[in-house]
PDB file of N, CA and C in Angstrom:
ATOM      1  N   MET A   1     -14.554  34.709 -51.941  1.00  0.00           N
ATOM      2  CA  MET A   1     -13.402  35.586 -51.771  1.00  0.00           C
ATOM      3  C   MET A   1     -12.450  34.309 -51.824  1.00  0.00           C
ATOM      4  N   ALA A   2     -11.210  34.506 -51.999  1.00  0.00           N
ATOM      5  CA  ALA A   2     -10.043  33.391 -52.804  1.00  0.00           C
ATOM      6  C   ALA A   2      -9.299  33.418 -51.433  1.00  0.00           C
ATOM      7  N   ARG A   3      -8.923  32.457 -50.997  1.00  0.00           N
ATOM      8  CA  ARG A   3      -7.961  32.716 -49.550  1.00  0.00           C
ATOM      9  C   ARG A   3      -6.649  32.520 -50.416  1.00  0.00           C
ATOM     10  N   VAL A   4      -5.251  32.712 -49.660  1.00  0.00           N
ATOM     11  CA  VAL A   4      -4.046  32.673 -50.101  1.00  0.00           C
ATOM     12  C   VAL A   4      -3.366  31.515 -49.062  1.00  0.00           C
ATOM     13  N   MET A   5      -2.788  30.772 -49.643  1.00  0.00           N
ATOM     14  CA  MET A   5      -1.931  29.527 -48.297  1.00  0.00           C
ATOM     15  C   MET A   5      -0.815  29.780 -48.677  1.00  0.00           C
ATOM     16  N   GLU A   6       0.301  30.249 -47.816  1.00  0.00           N
ATOM     17  CA  GLU A   6       1.626  30.071 -47.601  1.00  0.00           C
ATOM     18  C   GLU A   6       2.018  29.281 -46.791  1.00  0.00           C
ATOM     19  N   LEU A   7       2.811  28.487 -47.618  1.00  0.00           N
ATOM     20  CA  LEU A   7       3.673  27.668 -47.200  1.00  0.00           C
ATOM     21  C   LEU A   7       5.572  28.104 -46.376  1.00  0.00           C
ATOM     22  N   GLY A   8       5.825  27.990 -45.319  1.00  0.00           N
ATOM     23  CA  GLY A   8       7.415  28.195 -45.282  1.00  0.00           C
ATOM     24  C   GLY A   8       8.448  27.336 -45.728  1.00  0.00           C
ATOM     25  N   LEU A   9       9.513  27.568 -45.854  1.00  0.00           N
ATOM     26  CA  LEU A   9      10.545  27.090 -46.247  1.00  0.00           C
ATOM     27  C   LEU A   9      10.844  25.682 -45.530  1.00  0.00           C
ATOM     28  N   GLY A  10      10.476  24.487 -46.388  1.00  0.00           N
ATOM     29  CA  GLY A  10      10.596  22.948 -46.141  1.00  0.00           C
ATOM     30  C   GLY A  10       9.218  22.503 -45.757  1.00  0.00           C
ATOM     31  N   GLU A  11       8.377  23.291 -45.698  1.00  0.00           N
ATOM     32  CA  GLU A  11       7.138  22.753 -45.705  1.00  0.00           C
ATOM     33  C   GLU A  11       6.627  22.464 -46.793  1.00  0.00           C
ATOM     34  N   THR A  12       5.667  20.940 -46.729  1.00  0.00           N
ATOM     35  CA  THR A  12       4.737  20.312 -48.156  1.00  0.00           C
ATOM     36  C   THR A  12       3.594  20.484 -47.820  1.00  0.00           C
ATOM     37  N   TYR A  13       2.720  20.337 -48.770  1.00  0.00           N
ATOM     38  CA  TYR A  13       1.605  20.419 -48.892  1.00  0.00           C
ATOM     39  C   TYR A  13       0.876  19.003 -49.767  1.00  0.00           C
ATOM     40  N   GLY A  14       0.779  17.889 -49.210  1.00  0.00           N
ATOM     41  CA  GLY A  14       0.501  16.712 -49.833  1.00  0.00           C
ATOM     42  C   GLY A  14       1.591  16.103 -50.276  1.00  0.00           C
ATOM     43  N   ARG A  15       1.226  15.180 -50.961  1.00  0.00           N
ATOM     44  CA  ARG A  15       2.130  14.457 -51.808  1.00  0.00           C
ATOM     45  C   ARG A  15       2.589  14.742 -53.024  1.00  0.00           C
ATOM     46  N   ALA A  16       3.727  14.042 -53.886  1.00  0.00           N
ATOM     47  CA  ALA A  16       3.918  14.827 -55.217  1.00  0.00           C
ATOM     48  C   ALA A  16       3.185  14.322 -55.902  1.00  0.00           C
ATOM     49  N   GLU A  17       2.458  13.084 -56.001  1.00  0.00           N
ATOM     50  CA  GLU A  17       1.582  12.536 -56.540  1.00  0.00           C
ATOM     51  C   GLU A  17       0.388  12.992 -56.998  1.00  0.00           C
ATOM     52  N   GLU A  18      -0.080  13.781 -55.425  1.00  0.00           N
ATOM     53  CA  GLU A  18      -1.199  14.715 -55.597  1.00  0.00           C
ATOM     54  C   GLU A  18      -1.206  15.697 -56.312  1.00  0.00           C
ATOM     55  N   LEU A  19       0.076  16.350 -56.055  1.00  0.00           N
ATOM     56  CA  LEU A  19       0.425  17.710 -56.772  1.00  0.00           C
ATOM     57  C   LEU A  19       0.631  17.736 -58.158  1.00  0.00           C
ATOM     58  N   VAL A  20       0.691  16.599 -58.931  1.00  0.00           N
ATOM     59  CA  VAL A  20       0.534  16.157 -60.304  1.00  0.00           C
ATOM     60  C   VAL A  20      -0.641  15.928 -60.497  1.00  0.00           C
ATOM     61  N   LYS A  21      -1.647  15.256 -60.089  1.00  0.00           N
ATOM     62  CA  LYS A  21      -2.950  15.485 -60.171  1.00  0.00           C
ATOM     63  C   LYS A  21      -3.645  16.552 -59.778  1.00  0.00           C
ATOM     64  N   LEU A  22      -3.504  17.647 -59.171  1.00  0.00           N
ATOM     65  CA  LEU A  22      -4.296  18.447 -58.345  1.00  0.00           C
ATOM     66  C   LEU A  22      -4.451  19.242 -59.789  1.00  0.00           C
ATOM     67  N   ASN A  23      -6.229  19.408 -59.519  1.00  0.00           N
ATOM     68  CA  ASN A  23      -6.872  19.956 -60.850  1.00  0.00           C
ATOM     69  C   ASN A  23      -6.254  19.915 -62.150  1.00  0.00           C
ATOM     70  N   ALA A  24      -5.220  19.111 -62.946  1.00  0.00           N
ATOM     71  CA  ALA A  24      -4.960  18.378 -63.728  1.00  0.00           C
ATOM     72  C   ALA A  24      -4.336  19.674 -64.835  1.00  0.00           C
ATOM     73  N   VAL A  25      -4.785  20.920 -64.351  1.00  0.00           N
ATOM     74  CA  VAL A  25      -4.398  22.177 -65.061  1.00  0.00           C
ATOM     75  C   VAL A  25      -3.537  23.261 -64.323  1.00  0.00           C
ATOM     76  N   MET A  26      -2.289  23.742 -64.862  1.00  0.00           N
ATOM     77  CA  MET A  26      -1.874  24.580 -64.181  1.00  0.00           C
ATOM     78  C   MET A  26      -2.628  26.003 -64.627  1.00  0.00           C
ATOM     79  N   ALA A  27      -2.880  27.078 -63.860  1.00  0.00           N
ATOM     80  CA  ALA A  27      -3.565  28.109 -63.941  1.00  0.00           C
ATOM     81  C   ALA A  27      -3.381  28.902 -64.997  1.00  0.00           C
ATOM     82  N   GLY A  28      -3.679  29.330 -66.133  1.00  0.00           N
ATOM     83  CA  GLY A  28      -3.436  30.020 -66.969  1.00  0.00           C
ATOM     84  C   GLY A  28      -2.648  29.510 -68.187  1.00  0.00           C
ATOM     85  N   SER A  29      -2.071  28.204 -68.363  1.00  0.00           N
ATOM     86  CA  SER A  29      -1.366  27.775 -69.046  1.00  0.00           C
ATOM     87  C   SER A  29      -2.418  26.856 -69.902  1.00  0.00           C
ATOM     88  N   GLY A  30      -3.284  26.258 -69.500  1.00  0.00           N
ATOM     89  CA  GLY A  30      -4.574  25.300 -70.382  1.00  0.00           C
ATOM     90  C   GLY A  30      -3.352  24.451 -70.785  1.00  0.00           C
ATOM     91  N   VAL A  31      -2.425  23.847 -69.727  1.00  0.00           N
ATOM     92  CA  VAL A  31      -1.493  22.249 -70.151  1.00  0.00           C
ATOM     93  C   VAL A  31      -2.508  21.275 -69.164  1.00  0.00           C
ATOM     94  N   SER A  32      -2.790  20.258 -69.540  1.00  0.00           N
ATOM     95  CA  SER A  32      -3.767  19.552 -68.980  1.00  0.00           C
ATOM     96  C   SER A  32      -2.443  18.077 -68.413  1.00  0.00           C
ATOM     97  N   ILE A  33      -2.286  17.949 -67.511  1.00  0.00           N
ATOM     98  CA  ILE A  33      -1.500  16.317 -67.019  1.00  0.00           C
ATOM     99  C   ILE A  33      -2.441  15.358 -67.595  1.00  0.00           C
ATOM    100  N   LEU A  34      -2.305  14.463 -68.628  1.00  0.00           N
ATOM    101  CA  LEU A  34      -3.123  13.057 -68.948  1.00  0.00           C
ATOM    102  C   LEU A  34      -3.210  11.864 -67.803  1.00  0.00           C
ATOM    103  N   SER A  35      -1.321  11.455 -67.456  1.00  0.00           N
ATOM    104  CA  SER A  35      -1.269  10.446 -66.655  1.00  0.00           C
ATOM    105  C   SER A  35       0.592  10.630 -66.413  1.00  0.00           C
ATOM    106  N   TYR A  36       0.567   9.840 -65.519  1.00  0.00           N
ATOM    107  CA  TYR A  36       1.638  10.172 -65.052  1.00  0.00           C
ATOM    108  C   TYR A  36       2.665   8.673 -64.389  1.00  0.00           C
ATOM    109  N   THR A  37       3.437   8.206 -64.610  1.00  0.00           N
ATOM    110  CA  THR A  37       4.257   6.790 -64.052  1.00  0.00           C
ATOM    111  C   THR A  37       5.135   7.307 -62.833  1.00  0.00           C
ATOM    112  N   ARG A  38       5.086   5.827 -61.809  1.00  0.00           N
ATOM    113  CA  ARG A  38       5.693   5.878 -60.850  1.00  0.00           C
ATOM    114  C   ARG A  38       7.760   5.715 -60.632  1.00  0.00           C
ATOM    115  N   SER A  39       7.441   4.809 -61.842  1.00  0.00           N
ATOM    116  CA  SER A  39       8.680   4.255 -61.833  1.00  0.00           C
ATOM    117  C   SER A  39       9.082   3.705 -63.442  1.00  0.00           C
ATOM    118  N   PRO A  40       9.561   4.356 -64.038  1.00  0.00           N
ATOM    119  CA  PRO A  40      10.251   5.321 -63.700  1.00  0.00           C
ATOM    120  C   PRO A  40       9.628   6.824 -63.776  1.00  0.00           C
ATOM    121  N   PHE A  41       9.585   7.799 -63.099  1.00  0.00           N
ATOM    122  CA  PHE A  41       8.892   8.841 -63.114  1.00  0.00           C
ATOM    123  C   PHE A  41       8.658   9.807 -63.929  1.00  0.00           C
ATOM    124  N   GLY A  42       7.440   9.757 -64.780  1.00  0.00           N
ATOM    125  CA  GLY A  42       7.513  10.417 -65.798  1.00  0.00           C
ATOM    126  C   GLY A  42       5.982  10.942 -66.057  1.00  0.00           C
ATOM    127  N   PHE A  43       5.825  12.235 -66.748  1.00  0.00           N
ATOM    128  CA  PHE A  43       3.922  12.186 -67.078  1.00  0.00           C
ATOM    129  C   PHE A  43       4.063  12.490 -68.537  1.00  0.00           C
ATOM    130  N   GLU A  44       2.782  12.592 -68.997  1.00  0.00           N
ATOM    131  CA  GLU A  44       2.392  12.734 -70.441  1.00  0.00           C
ATOM    132  C   GLU A  44       1.575  14.357 -69.915  1.00  0.00           C
ATOM    133  N   PHE A  45       1.190  14.803 -71.258  1.00  0.00           N
ATOM    134  CA  PHE A  45       0.191  15.861 -70.945  1.00  0.00           C
ATOM    135  C   PHE A  45      -0.110  16.300 -72.474  1.00  0.00           C
ATOM    136  N   GLY A  46      -1.404  17.036 -72.700  1.00  0.00           N
ATOM    137  CA  GLY A  46      -2.209  17.655 -73.570  1.00  0.00           C
ATOM    138  C   GLY A  46      -1.071  18.138 -74.536  1.00  0.00           C
ATOM    139  N   SER A  47      -1.126  18.182 -75.734  1.00  0.00           N
ATOM    140  CA  SER A  47      -0.252  19.248 -76.665  1.00  0.00           C
ATOM    141  C   SER A  47      -0.875  19.215 -78.025  1.00  0.00           C
ATOM    142  N   GLU A  48      -0.271  20.240 -78.634  1.00  0.00           N
ATOM    143  CA  GLU A  48      -0.896  20.372 -79.934  1.00  0.00           C
ATOM    144  C   GLU A  48       0.488  20.549 -80.852  1.00  0.00           C
ATOM    145  N   ALA A  49      -0.126  20.313 -82.389  1.00  0.00           N
ATOM    146  CA  ALA A  49       1.046  20.627 -83.067  1.00  0.00           C
ATOM    147  C   ALA A  49       1.644  21.739 -83.420  1.00  0.00           C
ATOM    148  N   GLY A  50       2.960  21.789 -83.465  1.00  0.00           N
ATOM    149  CA  GLY A  50       3.320  23.252 -83.942  1.00  0.00           C
ATOM    150  C   GLY A  50       3.255  23.582 -82.619  1.00  0.00           C
ATOM    151  N   LYS A  51       3.302  23.793 -81.407  1.00  0.00           N
ATOM    152  CA  LYS A  51       3.329  24.543 -80.332  1.00  0.00           C
ATOM    153  C   LYS A  51       4.537  23.617 -79.441  1.00  0.00           C
ATOM    154  N   SER A  52       5.679  24.489 -78.839  1.00  0.00           N
ATOM    155  CA  SER A  52       6.509  24.279 -78.017  1.00  0.00           C
ATOM    156  C   SER A  52       6.104  24.476 -76.310  1.00  0.00           C
ATOM    157  N   TYR A  53       6.459  23.214 -75.715  1.00  0.00           N
ATOM    158  CA  TYR A  53       6.367  23.313 -74.139  1.00  0.00           C
ATOM    159  C   TYR A  53       7.305  23.484 -73.277  1.00  0.00           C
ATOM    160  N   VAL A  54       7.741  24.246 -72.283  1.00  0.00           N
ATOM    161  CA  VAL A  54       8.744  24.260 -71.420  1.00  0.00           C
ATOM    162  C   VAL A  54       8.349  23.503 -69.992  1.00  0.00           C
ATOM    163  N   VAL A  55       9.070  22.299 -70.071  1.00  0.00           N
ATOM    164  CA  VAL A  55       9.083  21.480 -68.357  1.00  0.00           C
ATOM    165  C   VAL A  55       9.741  22.505 -67.433  1.00  0.00           C
ATOM    166  N   GLU A  56       9.481  22.756 -66.404  1.00  0.00           N
ATOM    167  CA  GLU A  56      10.210  23.543 -65.186  1.00  0.00           C
ATOM    168  C   GLU A  56       9.960  22.572 -64.309  1.00  0.00           C
ATOM    169  N   VAL A  57      11.160  22.709 -63.494  1.00  0.00           N
ATOM    170  CA  VAL A  57      11.591  21.937 -62.179  1.00  0.00           C
ATOM    171  C   VAL A  57      11.761  22.910 -61.233  1.00  0.00           C
ATOM    172  N   THR A  58      11.397  22.981 -59.860  1.00  0.00           N
ATOM    173  CA  THR A  58      11.996  23.622 -58.439  1.00  0.00           C
ATOM    174  C   THR A  58      11.744  22.424 -57.499  1.00  0.00           C
ATOM    175  N   SER A  59      12.654  22.879 -56.379  1.00  0.00           N
ATOM    176  CA  SER A  59      12.564  21.892 -55.212  1.00  0.00           C
ATOM    177  C   SER A  59      12.145  22.800 -53.838  1.00  0.00           C
ATOM    178  N   ASP A  60      11.586  23.985 -53.930  1.00  0.00           N
ATOM    179  CA  ASP A  60      11.165  24.725 -52.777  1.00  0.00           C
ATOM    180  C   ASP A  60      10.155  25.770 -53.217  1.00  0.00           C
ATOM    181  N   LEU A  61       9.571  25.560 -54.756  1.00  0.00           N
ATOM    182  CA  LEU A  61       8.315  26.274 -55.249  1.00  0.00           C
ATOM    183  C   LEU A  61       7.983  27.654 -55.100  1.00  0.00           C
ATOM    184  N   ARG A  62       9.317  28.025 -55.325  1.00  0.00           N
ATOM    185  CA  ARG A  62       9.572  29.436 -55.365  1.00  0.00           C
ATOM    186  C   ARG A  62      10.559  29.879 -56.735  1.00  0.00           C
ATOM    187  N   GLU A  63      11.585  29.085 -57.119  1.00  0.00           N
ATOM    188  CA  GLU A  63      12.511  29.309 -58.046  1.00  0.00           C
ATOM    189  C   GLU A  63      12.529  28.235 -58.983  1.00  0.00           C
ATOM    190  N   TRP A  64      11.576  28.544 -60.451  1.00  0.00           N
ATOM    191  CA  TRP A  64      11.459  27.355 -61.080  1.00  0.00           C
ATOM    192  C   TRP A  64      13.001  27.241 -62.199  1.00  0.00           C
ATOM    193  N   LYS A  65      13.308  26.389 -62.529  1.00  0.00           N
ATOM    194  CA  LYS A  65      14.447  26.223 -63.599  1.00  0.00           C
ATOM    195  C   LYS A  65      13.804  25.677 -64.814  1.00  0.00           C
ATOM    196  N   SER A  66      14.107  26.010 -66.362  1.00  0.00           N
ATOM    197  CA  SER A  66      13.565  25.701 -67.375  1.00  0.00           C
ATOM    198  C   SER A  66      14.390  24.167 -67.579  1.00  0.00           C
ATOM    199  N   VAL A  67      14.046  22.824 -67.474  1.00  0.00           N
ATOM    200  CA  VAL A  67      14.924  22.041 -67.740  1.00  0.00           C
ATOM    201  C   VAL A  67      15.079  21.195 -69.283  1.00  0.00           C
ATOM    202  N   GLN A  68      13.916  21.539 -69.935  1.00  0.00           N
ATOM    203  CA  GLN A  68      13.616  21.028 -71.373  1.00  0.00           C
ATOM    204  C   GLN A  68      12.444  21.526 -72.068  1.00  0.00           C
ATOM    205  N   THR A  69      12.501  21.947 -73.481  1.00  0.00           N
ATOM    206  CA  THR A  69      11.547  22.101 -74.215  1.00  0.00           C
ATOM    207  C   THR A  69      11.472  21.056 -75.136  1.00  0.00           C
ATOM    208  N   LEU A  70      10.002  20.993 -75.187  1.00  0.00           N
ATOM    209  CA  LEU A  70       9.312  19.274 -75.959  1.00  0.00           C
ATOM    210  C   LEU A  70       8.558  20.603 -77.246  1.00  0.00           C
ATOM    211  N   GLU A  71       8.640  19.766 -78.397  1.00  0.00           N
ATOM    212  CA  GLU A  71       7.768  20.138 -79.408  1.00  0.00           C
ATOM    213  C   GLU A  71       6.369  19.248 -79.306  1.00  0.00           C
ATOM    214  N   GLY A  72       5.294  19.636 -79.249  1.00  0.00           N
ATOM    215  CA  GLY A  72       3.779  18.920 -79.080  1.00  0.00           C
ATOM    216  C   GLY A  72       3.913  18.358 -80.019  1.00  0.00           C
ATOM    217  N   SER A  73       2.921  17.246 -79.947  1.00  0.00           N
ATOM    218  CA  SER A  73       2.295  16.189 -81.092  1.00  0.00           C
ATOM    219  C   SER A  73       0.750  16.535 -81.080  1.00  0.00           C
ATOM    220  N   ALA A  74       0.212  16.200 -82.191  1.00  0.00           N
ATOM    221  CA  ALA A  74      -1.580  16.266 -82.530  1.00  0.00           C
ATOM    222  C   ALA A  74      -2.539  15.530 -81.062  1.00  0.00           C
ATOM    223  N   LYS A  75      -1.635  14.730 -80.374  1.00  0.00           N
ATOM    224  CA  LYS A  75      -2.325  13.983 -79.271  1.00  0.00           C
ATOM    225  C   LYS A  75      -1.532  14.538 -77.982  1.00  0.00           C
ATOM    226  N   SER A  76      -0.509  14.035 -77.495  1.00  0.00           N
ATOM    227  CA  SER A  76       0.121  14.047 -76.128  1.00  0.00           C
ATOM    228  C   SER A  76       1.842  14.061 -76.550  1.00  0.00           C
ATOM    229  N   THR A  77       2.134  14.824 -75.139  1.00  0.00           N
ATOM    230  CA  THR A  77       3.711  14.720 -75.047  1.00  0.00           C
ATOM    231  C   THR A  77       3.968  13.801 -73.625  1.00  0.00           C
ATOM    232  N   ARG A  78       5.128  12.932 -73.609  1.00  0.00           N
ATOM    233  CA  ARG A  78       5.913  12.470 -72.607  1.00  0.00           C
ATOM    234  C   ARG A  78       6.904  13.358 -71.788  1.00  0.00           C
ATOM    235  N   TYR A  79       7.073  13.459 -71.144  1.00  0.00           N
ATOM    236  CA  TYR A  79       8.476  13.762 -70.154  1.00  0.00           C
ATOM    237  C   TYR A  79       8.793  12.789 -69.227  1.00  0.00           C
ATOM    238  N   THR A  80      10.134  12.533 -69.328  1.00  0.00           N
ATOM    239  CA  THR A  80      10.536  11.695 -68.397  1.00  0.00           C
ATOM    240  C   THR A  80      12.085  12.127 -67.556  1.00  0.00           C
ATOM    241  N   PRO A  81      11.849  12.949 -66.594  1.00  0.00           N
ATOM    242  CA  PRO A  81      13.025  13.258 -66.230  1.00  0.00           C
ATOM    243  C   PRO A  81      14.546  12.771 -65.975  1.00  0.00           C
ATOM    244  N   ASN A  82      15.472  12.732 -66.014  1.00  0.00           N
ATOM    245  CA  ASN A  82      16.643  11.813 -65.733  1.00  0.00           C
ATOM    246  C   ASN A  82      16.913  12.736 -64.275  1.00  0.00           C
ATOM    247  N   LEU A  83      16.434  11.787 -63.510  1.00  0.00           N
ATOM    248  CA  LEU A  83      16.422  11.748 -61.973  1.00  0.00           C
ATOM    249  C   LEU A  83      18.179  12.006 -61.625  1.00  0.00           C
ATOM    250  N   GLN A  84      18.036  13.136 -60.285  1.00  0.00           N
ATOM    251  CA  GLN A  84      19.332  12.934 -59.665  1.00  0.00           C
ATOM    252  C   GLN A  84      19.128  12.537 -58.240  1.00  0.00           C
ATOM    253  N   PRO A  85      19.996  11.442 -57.644  1.00  0.00           N
ATOM    254  CA  PRO A  85      19.599  11.119 -56.456  1.00  0.00           C
ATOM    255  C   PRO A  85      19.902  12.032 -55.214  1.00  0.00           C
ATOM    256  N   GLN A  86      20.700  12.949 -55.872  1.00  0.00           N
ATOM    257  CA  GLN A  86      21.184  14.005 -54.537  1.00  0.00           C
ATOM    258  C   GLN A  86      20.134  15.247 -53.859  1.00  0.00           C
ATOM    259  N   ILE A  87      18.865  14.860 -55.077  1.00  0.00           N
ATOM    260  CA  ILE A  87      17.929  16.139 -54.980  1.00  0.00           C
ATOM    261  C   ILE A  87      16.610  15.148 -54.620  1.00  0.00           C
ATOM    262  N   PRO A  88      16.093  15.203 -53.872  1.00  0.00           N
ATOM    263  CA  PRO A  88      15.260  13.914 -53.237  1.00  0.00           C
ATOM    264  C   PRO A  88      13.633  14.412 -53.658  1.00  0.00           C
ATOM    265  N   LEU A  89      14.067  15.786 -53.487  1.00  0.00           N
ATOM    266  CA  LEU A  89      12.267  16.613 -53.800  1.00  0.00           C
ATOM    267  C   LEU A  89      12.161  17.361 -54.582  1.00  0.00           C
ATOM    268  N   ARG A  90      11.492  17.073 -55.760  1.00  0.00           N
ATOM    269  CA  ARG A  90      11.162  17.679 -56.892  1.00  0.00           C
ATOM    270  C   ARG A  90       9.756  18.246 -57.464  1.00  0.00           C
ATOM    271  N   TYR A  91       9.283  19.242 -58.038  1.00  0.00           N
ATOM    272  CA  TYR A  91       7.988  19.549 -58.193  1.00  0.00           C
ATOM    273  C   TYR A  91       8.574  20.265 -60.035  1.00  0.00           C
ATOM    274  N   TYR A  92       7.377  19.249 -60.499  1.00  0.00           N
ATOM    275  CA  TYR A  92       7.387  19.892 -62.139  1.00  0.00           C
ATOM    276  C   TYR A  92       6.183  20.995 -62.384  1.00  0.00           C
ATOM    277  N   ARG A  93       6.543  21.435 -63.609  1.00  0.00           N
ATOM    278  CA  ARG A  93       5.390  22.139 -63.981  1.00  0.00           C
ATOM    279  C   ARG A  93       5.443  22.293 -65.694  1.00  0.00           C
ATOM    280  N   VAL A  94       4.570  22.371 -66.285  1.00  0.00           N
ATOM    281  CA  VAL A  94       4.887  22.267 -67.811  1.00  0.00           C
ATOM    282  C   VAL A  94       4.070  23.771 -68.630  1.00  0.00           C
ATOM    283  N   LYS A  95       4.562  24.348 -69.406  1.00  0.00           N
ATOM    284  CA  LYS A  95       4.069  25.499 -69.917  1.00  0.00           C
ATOM    285  C   LYS A  95       4.198  25.862 -71.147  1.00  0.00           C
ATOM    286  N   THR A  96       3.112  26.229 -72.113  1.00  0.00           N
ATOM    287  CA  THR A  96       3.397  26.825 -73.168  1.00  0.00           C
ATOM    288  C   THR A  96       4.151  27.619 -73.468  1.00  0.00           C
ATOM    289  N   GLN A  97       5.224  27.382 -74.456  1.00  0.00           N
ATOM    290  CA  GLN A  97       6.441  28.596 -74.558  1.00  0.00           C
ATOM    291  C   GLN A  97       5.522  29.751 -75.380  1.00  0.00           C
ATOM    292  N   GLN A  98       5.679  30.894 -75.282  1.00  0.00           N
ATOM    293  CA  GLN A  98       5.456  31.966 -75.570  1.00  0.00           C
ATOM    294  C   GLN A  98       6.132  32.593 -77.097  1.00  0.00           C
TER     295      GLN A  98
END
């Protein structure tokens, strides 16, 4: 039986770098995070040529906003966000565009 964990507003689970590495695959998307860097922050994900990938961002894990659409390559694709200092906590995810 699967258990559901709910977080209240402002609560966090782990550190950002752990969330990036968590399972390395977002359920249902098939997008694998291959690596990430801290300074400057960015990550590389597995991609396929001819497919588009949408990078989304959130600060509360509830409302996601699309920030960039990237074209896949035959190997991997890198994303480095333009960080805004007034938003200290952000989470990212990558989805295959339908």
